[in-house]
Amino acid sequence: MDEWVPVDLIHLSDGQGVSLVLRAVEPHEPRSARVRAECLITTDFMNARLETNIWLDHLEAWEEALRRLGAGEDAGWPQGTRGLELYFHPHERGWLSISVHDPDRLTVGLGLEPAPEWIDEHGAHLQRLRDVCGES
C-alpha cells in the first residue's frame, strides 16, 4: 500500500439526517490482516463515532451479506465477532432497519430508506477497499 486513501465500505443515508458510515481510515502494519476504521452514526438524536477495525478476512462475509440483502433477506456482518456487529433487515418498499452493536460501547437501531441502487454501490465500495488493501 503506497498511498492510503480512506474508503467507505458502508455508506447508507436517507438524505434526512440518518446515516451509517463504516470507513477504513488507515492501514495497520504492512501486510496486516486488518485496517483501522471508524463507524459514524448520525440521527436527529445522536452523533456517534466508534473506532474499530475491518478484518480483511471478513470481506467475503460482507459480500455474502450484500447478496442476501439483495434477495430481500436479513443479514448480519460480521458474524461471531467480539467487536462491532451490524444487522440489516430489509422491509418492503426499500425501507431498511439496521442494528449497530458494539458490546463495550453502544447498541442502537436505525431505520432509513437508502437509494434503490445501494446494494450495487456497496459492491463497488467493497471492491475499492479490496483494491486499496491489495486484496483483489
N, C-alpha and C. Protein backbone atom coordinates (compact mmCIF):
# COMPACT_ATOMS: atom_id res chain seq x y z
N MET A 1 0.84 -1.17 0.00
CA MET A 1 0.00 0.00 0.00
C MET A 1 0.89 1.24 0.00
N ASP A 2 1.03 1.87 -1.15
CA ASP A 2 1.89 3.02 -1.24
C ASP A 2 1.27 4.25 -0.59
N GLU A 3 0.09 4.61 -1.03
CA GLU A 3 -0.58 5.80 -0.50
C GLU A 3 -1.99 5.41 -0.07
N TRP A 4 -2.29 5.62 1.20
CA TRP A 4 -3.58 5.22 1.73
C TRP A 4 -4.62 6.30 1.48
N VAL A 5 -5.76 5.89 1.00
CA VAL A 5 -6.89 6.78 0.80
C VAL A 5 -8.06 6.20 1.60
N PRO A 6 -8.68 6.98 2.51
CA PRO A 6 -9.82 6.44 3.24
C PRO A 6 -10.91 5.94 2.28
N VAL A 7 -11.53 4.83 2.65
CA VAL A 7 -12.53 4.19 1.80
C VAL A 7 -13.76 3.86 2.65
N ASP A 8 -14.93 4.27 2.18
CA ASP A 8 -16.17 3.89 2.85
C ASP A 8 -16.56 2.49 2.38
N LEU A 9 -16.58 1.54 3.30
CA LEU A 9 -17.09 0.21 2.98
C LEU A 9 -18.62 0.25 3.01
N ILE A 10 -19.16 0.97 3.99
CA ILE A 10 -20.61 1.14 4.10
C ILE A 10 -20.90 2.63 4.17
N HIS A 11 -21.84 3.07 3.38
CA HIS A 11 -22.28 4.47 3.43
C HIS A 11 -23.77 4.50 3.10
N LEU A 12 -24.58 4.44 4.14
CA LEU A 12 -26.03 4.45 3.99
C LEU A 12 -26.58 5.75 4.56
N SER A 13 -27.47 6.37 3.81
CA SER A 13 -28.07 7.63 4.24
C SER A 13 -29.46 7.73 3.63
N ASP A 14 -30.34 8.40 4.35
CA ASP A 14 -31.68 8.61 3.82
C ASP A 14 -31.89 10.03 3.30
N GLY A 15 -30.85 10.87 3.36
CA GLY A 15 -30.99 12.24 2.91
C GLY A 15 -31.77 13.10 3.89
N GLN A 16 -32.21 12.52 5.00
CA GLN A 16 -32.99 13.24 6.02
C GLN A 16 -32.22 13.37 7.33
N GLY A 17 -30.94 13.06 7.32
CA GLY A 17 -30.14 13.19 8.53
C GLY A 17 -29.81 11.90 9.24
N VAL A 18 -30.30 10.76 8.74
CA VAL A 18 -29.96 9.47 9.34
C VAL A 18 -28.92 8.80 8.44
N SER A 19 -27.80 8.41 9.04
CA SER A 19 -26.77 7.76 8.23
C SER A 19 -25.93 6.80 9.07
N LEU A 20 -25.35 5.85 8.36
CA LEU A 20 -24.39 4.89 8.92
C LEU A 20 -23.25 4.80 7.93
N VAL A 21 -22.04 5.08 8.42
CA VAL A 21 -20.85 5.01 7.58
C VAL A 21 -19.82 4.15 8.31
N LEU A 22 -19.26 3.18 7.61
CA LEU A 22 -18.12 2.41 8.11
C LEU A 22 -16.98 2.70 7.16
N ARG A 23 -16.00 3.44 7.65
CA ARG A 23 -14.91 3.96 6.81
C ARG A 23 -13.57 3.39 7.27
N ALA A 24 -12.86 2.80 6.32
CA ALA A 24 -11.48 2.37 6.57
C ALA A 24 -10.62 3.63 6.49
N VAL A 25 -9.96 3.98 7.60
CA VAL A 25 -9.24 5.25 7.65
C VAL A 25 -7.73 5.13 7.49
N GLU A 26 -7.16 3.98 7.85
CA GLU A 26 -5.73 3.79 7.65
C GLU A 26 -5.35 2.34 7.89
N PRO A 27 -4.29 1.91 7.24
CA PRO A 27 -3.87 0.52 7.44
C PRO A 27 -3.17 0.37 8.79
N HIS A 28 -3.12 -0.86 9.26
CA HIS A 28 -2.24 -1.17 10.39
C HIS A 28 -0.85 -1.37 9.78
N GLU A 29 -0.07 -2.25 10.31
CA GLU A 29 1.25 -2.50 9.75
C GLU A 29 1.13 -3.05 8.32
N PRO A 30 2.19 -2.92 7.54
CA PRO A 30 2.15 -3.50 6.18
C PRO A 30 1.81 -4.99 6.26
N ARG A 31 1.05 -5.44 5.28
CA ARG A 31 0.61 -6.83 5.17
C ARG A 31 -0.21 -7.29 6.39
N SER A 32 -0.85 -6.35 7.05
CA SER A 32 -1.70 -6.69 8.19
C SER A 32 -3.03 -7.25 7.70
N ALA A 33 -3.67 -8.02 8.53
CA ALA A 33 -4.94 -8.64 8.18
C ALA A 33 -6.12 -7.73 8.50
N ARG A 34 -5.86 -6.48 8.87
CA ARG A 34 -6.93 -5.56 9.22
C ARG A 34 -6.55 -4.13 8.88
N VAL A 35 -7.56 -3.29 8.85
CA VAL A 35 -7.35 -1.85 8.69
C VAL A 35 -8.10 -1.14 9.82
N ARG A 36 -7.57 0.00 10.21
CA ARG A 36 -8.27 0.82 11.21
C ARG A 36 -9.48 1.45 10.54
N ALA A 37 -10.55 1.55 11.31
CA ALA A 37 -11.79 2.07 10.74
C ALA A 37 -12.53 2.89 11.78
N GLU A 38 -13.54 3.61 11.30
CA GLU A 38 -14.44 4.32 12.18
C GLU A 38 -15.86 4.07 11.70
N CYS A 39 -16.75 3.92 12.65
CA CYS A 39 -18.17 3.77 12.36
C CYS A 39 -18.84 5.06 12.81
N LEU A 40 -19.47 5.75 11.87
CA LEU A 40 -20.12 7.02 12.14
C LEU A 40 -21.63 6.82 12.05
N ILE A 41 -22.33 7.17 13.11
CA ILE A 41 -23.77 7.01 13.16
C ILE A 41 -24.38 8.38 13.43
N THR A 42 -25.30 8.79 12.58
CA THR A 42 -25.92 10.09 12.73
C THR A 42 -27.44 9.93 12.67
N THR A 43 -28.13 10.51 13.63
CA THR A 43 -29.59 10.59 13.64
C THR A 43 -29.95 11.96 14.18
N ASP A 44 -31.23 12.23 14.29
CA ASP A 44 -31.63 13.51 14.87
C ASP A 44 -31.41 13.55 16.38
N PHE A 45 -31.13 12.41 17.01
CA PHE A 45 -30.93 12.39 18.45
C PHE A 45 -29.51 12.01 18.87
N MET A 46 -28.63 11.69 17.91
CA MET A 46 -27.26 11.32 18.30
C MET A 46 -26.29 11.43 17.14
N ASN A 47 -25.05 11.66 17.50
CA ASN A 47 -23.90 11.55 16.60
C ASN A 47 -22.87 10.71 17.33
N ALA A 48 -22.50 9.58 16.76
CA ALA A 48 -21.54 8.70 17.41
C ALA A 48 -20.41 8.38 16.44
N ARG A 49 -19.22 8.25 17.00
CA ARG A 49 -18.04 7.82 16.25
C ARG A 49 -17.37 6.73 17.06
N LEU A 50 -17.34 5.52 16.50
CA LEU A 50 -16.73 4.37 17.15
C LEU A 50 -15.47 3.98 16.40
N GLU A 51 -14.35 3.95 17.07
CA GLU A 51 -13.13 3.43 16.45
C GLU A 51 -13.23 1.91 16.45
N THR A 52 -12.84 1.30 15.34
CA THR A 52 -12.95 -0.14 15.20
C THR A 52 -11.92 -0.63 14.20
N ASN A 53 -12.03 -1.86 13.79
CA ASN A 53 -11.18 -2.45 12.75
C ASN A 53 -12.06 -3.14 11.72
N ILE A 54 -11.58 -3.21 10.52
CA ILE A 54 -12.17 -4.06 9.49
C ILE A 54 -11.16 -5.15 9.22
N TRP A 55 -11.54 -6.39 9.51
CA TRP A 55 -10.68 -7.53 9.26
C TRP A 55 -10.86 -7.94 7.81
N LEU A 56 -9.78 -8.01 7.08
CA LEU A 56 -9.86 -8.29 5.65
C LEU A 56 -10.44 -9.66 5.35
N ASP A 57 -10.28 -10.61 6.27
CA ASP A 57 -10.88 -11.93 6.03
C ASP A 57 -12.39 -11.93 6.25
N HIS A 58 -12.98 -10.80 6.68
CA HIS A 58 -14.42 -10.67 6.80
C HIS A 58 -15.06 -10.06 5.55
N LEU A 59 -14.24 -9.68 4.58
CA LEU A 59 -14.79 -9.03 3.39
C LEU A 59 -15.66 -9.98 2.56
N GLU A 60 -15.29 -11.24 2.50
CA GLU A 60 -16.14 -12.20 1.78
C GLU A 60 -17.50 -12.35 2.45
N ALA A 61 -17.51 -12.28 3.78
CA ALA A 61 -18.78 -12.37 4.50
C ALA A 61 -19.64 -11.13 4.22
N TRP A 62 -19.02 -9.96 4.03
CA TRP A 62 -19.78 -8.76 3.67
C TRP A 62 -20.35 -8.91 2.26
N GLU A 63 -19.58 -9.50 1.37
CA GLU A 63 -20.07 -9.76 0.02
C GLU A 63 -21.30 -10.69 0.07
N GLU A 64 -21.24 -11.72 0.89
CA GLU A 64 -22.38 -12.63 1.05
C GLU A 64 -23.57 -11.90 1.68
N ALA A 65 -23.31 -11.04 2.65
CA ALA A 65 -24.39 -10.27 3.27
C ALA A 65 -25.08 -9.39 2.23
N LEU A 66 -24.31 -8.79 1.34
CA LEU A 66 -24.91 -7.96 0.28
C LEU A 66 -25.77 -8.82 -0.65
N ARG A 67 -25.32 -10.04 -0.95
CA ARG A 67 -26.13 -10.94 -1.78
C ARG A 67 -27.46 -11.26 -1.09
N ARG A 68 -27.39 -11.54 0.19
CA ARG A 68 -28.61 -11.86 0.95
C ARG A 68 -29.55 -10.66 0.98
N LEU A 69 -29.01 -9.49 1.23
CA LEU A 69 -29.83 -8.28 1.28
C LEU A 69 -30.46 -8.00 -0.08
N GLY A 70 -29.71 -8.24 -1.14
CA GLY A 70 -30.25 -8.07 -2.49
C GLY A 70 -31.41 -9.01 -2.77
N ALA A 71 -31.43 -10.15 -2.08
CA ALA A 71 -32.51 -11.11 -2.23
C ALA A 71 -33.65 -10.84 -1.25
N GLY A 72 -33.53 -9.74 -0.49
CA GLY A 72 -34.58 -9.38 0.46
C GLY A 72 -34.51 -10.11 1.78
N GLU A 73 -33.35 -10.73 2.07
CA GLU A 73 -33.17 -11.49 3.31
C GLU A 73 -32.42 -10.66 4.35
N ASP A 74 -32.60 -11.00 5.61
CA ASP A 74 -31.83 -10.38 6.69
C ASP A 74 -30.36 -10.79 6.56
N ALA A 75 -29.49 -9.94 7.07
CA ALA A 75 -28.06 -10.26 7.07
C ALA A 75 -27.39 -9.60 8.25
N GLY A 76 -26.42 -10.27 8.80
CA GLY A 76 -25.58 -9.72 9.85
C GLY A 76 -24.14 -9.75 9.39
N TRP A 77 -23.35 -8.79 9.87
CA TRP A 77 -21.94 -8.76 9.50
C TRP A 77 -21.14 -8.02 10.53
N PRO A 78 -19.93 -8.48 10.86
CA PRO A 78 -19.52 -9.88 10.70
C PRO A 78 -20.19 -10.72 11.77
N GLN A 79 -20.27 -11.98 11.53
CA GLN A 79 -20.93 -12.89 12.47
C GLN A 79 -19.91 -13.46 13.45
N GLY A 80 -20.30 -13.55 14.71
CA GLY A 80 -19.49 -14.24 15.71
C GLY A 80 -18.21 -13.52 16.10
N THR A 81 -18.21 -12.20 16.08
CA THR A 81 -17.02 -11.48 16.49
C THR A 81 -17.26 -10.81 17.84
N ARG A 82 -16.21 -10.35 18.44
CA ARG A 82 -16.31 -9.66 19.73
C ARG A 82 -16.57 -8.18 19.52
N GLY A 83 -16.16 -7.62 18.41
CA GLY A 83 -16.27 -6.19 18.18
C GLY A 83 -17.57 -5.78 17.54
N LEU A 84 -17.51 -4.72 16.77
CA LEU A 84 -18.66 -4.13 16.12
C LEU A 84 -19.39 -5.14 15.24
N GLU A 85 -20.71 -5.23 15.41
CA GLU A 85 -21.55 -6.08 14.57
C GLU A 85 -22.71 -5.25 14.03
N LEU A 86 -23.07 -5.51 12.79
CA LEU A 86 -24.16 -4.82 12.12
C LEU A 86 -25.19 -5.84 11.67
N TYR A 87 -26.45 -5.52 11.88
CA TYR A 87 -27.55 -6.38 11.44
C TYR A 87 -28.48 -5.56 10.56
N PHE A 88 -28.86 -6.13 9.43
CA PHE A 88 -29.69 -5.43 8.45
C PHE A 88 -30.97 -6.23 8.22
N HIS A 89 -32.09 -5.52 8.23
CA HIS A 89 -33.39 -6.15 7.96
C HIS A 89 -34.10 -5.31 6.90
N PRO A 90 -34.17 -5.82 5.65
CA PRO A 90 -34.87 -5.08 4.60
C PRO A 90 -36.39 -5.24 4.74
N HIS A 91 -37.11 -4.16 4.49
CA HIS A 91 -38.56 -4.16 4.51
C HIS A 91 -39.08 -3.90 3.11
N GLU A 92 -40.37 -4.04 2.95
CA GLU A 92 -40.98 -3.72 1.66
C GLU A 92 -40.77 -2.24 1.34
N ARG A 93 -40.81 -1.94 0.06
CA ARG A 93 -40.68 -0.56 -0.44
C ARG A 93 -39.35 0.10 -0.10
N GLY A 94 -38.29 -0.70 0.12
CA GLY A 94 -36.95 -0.15 0.25
C GLY A 94 -36.51 0.29 1.64
N TRP A 95 -37.39 0.22 2.62
CA TRP A 95 -37.01 0.62 3.98
C TRP A 95 -36.02 -0.40 4.54
N LEU A 96 -35.04 0.06 5.35
CA LEU A 96 -34.02 -0.79 5.91
C LEU A 96 -33.87 -0.51 7.40
N SER A 97 -33.99 -1.54 8.22
CA SER A 97 -33.70 -1.42 9.66
C SER A 97 -32.28 -1.92 9.87
N ILE A 98 -31.53 -1.18 10.67
CA ILE A 98 -30.13 -1.53 10.94
C ILE A 98 -29.91 -1.50 12.44
N SER A 99 -29.27 -2.52 12.95
CA SER A 99 -28.86 -2.56 14.35
C SER A 99 -27.35 -2.51 14.39
N VAL A 100 -26.82 -1.57 15.15
CA VAL A 100 -25.37 -1.43 15.33
C VAL A 100 -25.09 -1.85 16.77
N HIS A 101 -24.23 -2.84 16.92
CA HIS A 101 -23.94 -3.35 18.26
C HIS A 101 -22.43 -3.41 18.47
N ASP A 102 -21.97 -2.66 19.46
CA ASP A 102 -20.60 -2.76 19.92
C ASP A 102 -20.70 -3.13 21.39
N PRO A 103 -20.31 -4.34 21.76
CA PRO A 103 -20.58 -4.83 23.12
C PRO A 103 -20.00 -3.99 24.24
N ASP A 104 -18.99 -3.22 23.97
CA ASP A 104 -18.36 -2.43 25.02
C ASP A 104 -18.83 -0.97 25.07
N ARG A 105 -19.55 -0.52 24.00
CA ARG A 105 -19.82 0.91 23.95
C ARG A 105 -21.23 1.31 23.58
N LEU A 106 -21.91 0.59 22.67
CA LEU A 106 -23.15 1.13 22.14
C LEU A 106 -23.97 0.06 21.44
N THR A 107 -25.28 0.12 21.60
CA THR A 107 -26.21 -0.62 20.76
C THR A 107 -27.28 0.37 20.36
N VAL A 108 -27.54 0.47 19.06
CA VAL A 108 -28.53 1.42 18.56
C VAL A 108 -29.22 0.84 17.33
N GLY A 109 -30.48 1.17 17.16
CA GLY A 109 -31.22 0.77 15.97
C GLY A 109 -31.53 1.99 15.12
N LEU A 110 -31.41 1.82 13.82
CA LEU A 110 -31.69 2.90 12.86
C LEU A 110 -32.70 2.40 11.84
N GLY A 111 -33.45 3.30 11.31
CA GLY A 111 -34.32 2.98 10.18
C GLY A 111 -34.12 4.04 9.12
N LEU A 112 -33.93 3.60 7.89
CA LEU A 112 -33.74 4.56 6.81
C LEU A 112 -34.16 3.95 5.49
N GLU A 113 -34.32 4.80 4.51
CA GLU A 113 -34.66 4.34 3.16
C GLU A 113 -33.52 4.76 2.23
N PRO A 114 -32.56 3.84 2.00
CA PRO A 114 -31.43 4.18 1.14
C PRO A 114 -31.86 4.26 -0.33
N ALA A 115 -30.99 4.80 -1.15
CA ALA A 115 -31.25 4.87 -2.59
C ALA A 115 -31.47 3.46 -3.12
N PRO A 116 -32.32 3.31 -4.14
CA PRO A 116 -32.64 1.98 -4.66
C PRO A 116 -31.41 1.16 -5.10
N GLU A 117 -30.37 1.82 -5.55
CA GLU A 117 -29.18 1.12 -6.06
C GLU A 117 -28.11 0.90 -4.98
N TRP A 118 -28.48 0.97 -3.72
CA TRP A 118 -27.48 0.91 -2.66
C TRP A 118 -26.72 -0.41 -2.63
N ILE A 119 -27.33 -1.51 -2.97
CA ILE A 119 -26.62 -2.81 -2.96
C ILE A 119 -25.47 -2.78 -3.97
N ASP A 120 -25.74 -2.34 -5.20
CA ASP A 120 -24.69 -2.26 -6.22
C ASP A 120 -23.59 -1.28 -5.81
N GLU A 121 -23.99 -0.15 -5.25
CA GLU A 121 -22.99 0.83 -4.79
C GLU A 121 -22.08 0.21 -3.73
N HIS A 122 -22.65 -0.60 -2.84
CA HIS A 122 -21.83 -1.20 -1.79
C HIS A 122 -20.93 -2.31 -2.32
N GLY A 123 -21.34 -2.96 -3.40
CA GLY A 123 -20.44 -3.89 -4.07
C GLY A 123 -19.22 -3.15 -4.61
N ALA A 124 -19.44 -1.95 -5.15
CA ALA A 124 -18.34 -1.13 -5.64
C ALA A 124 -17.45 -0.65 -4.49
N HIS A 125 -18.07 -0.28 -3.34
CA HIS A 125 -17.27 0.12 -2.16
C HIS A 125 -16.37 -1.04 -1.72
N LEU A 126 -16.94 -2.23 -1.71
CA LEU A 126 -16.20 -3.42 -1.30
C LEU A 126 -14.99 -3.64 -2.22
N GLN A 127 -15.21 -3.53 -3.53
CA GLN A 127 -14.11 -3.73 -4.47
C GLN A 127 -13.04 -2.65 -4.30
N ARG A 128 -13.46 -1.41 -4.05
CA ARG A 128 -12.50 -0.33 -3.84
C ARG A 128 -11.62 -0.60 -2.63
N LEU A 129 -12.22 -1.09 -1.52
CA LEU A 129 -11.43 -1.42 -0.34
C LEU A 129 -10.48 -2.56 -0.64
N ARG A 130 -10.94 -3.58 -1.34
CA ARG A 130 -10.05 -4.68 -1.73
C ARG A 130 -8.88 -4.17 -2.56
N ASP A 131 -9.16 -3.28 -3.50
CA ASP A 131 -8.09 -2.72 -4.34
C ASP A 131 -7.06 -1.95 -3.51
N VAL A 132 -7.55 -1.10 -2.61
CA VAL A 132 -6.66 -0.29 -1.78
C VAL A 132 -5.80 -1.18 -0.89
N CYS A 133 -6.38 -2.29 -0.42
CA CYS A 133 -5.65 -3.18 0.50
C CYS A 133 -4.87 -4.26 -0.25
N GLY A 134 -4.93 -4.27 -1.57
CA GLY A 134 -4.23 -5.29 -2.33
C GLY A 134 -4.85 -6.66 -2.18
N GLU A 135 -6.17 -6.71 -1.97
CA GLU A 135 -6.88 -7.97 -1.74
C GLU A 135 -7.66 -8.41 -2.97
N SER A 136 -7.45 -7.81 -4.11
CA SER A 136 -8.26 -8.12 -5.31
C SER A 136 -8.05 -9.53 -5.79
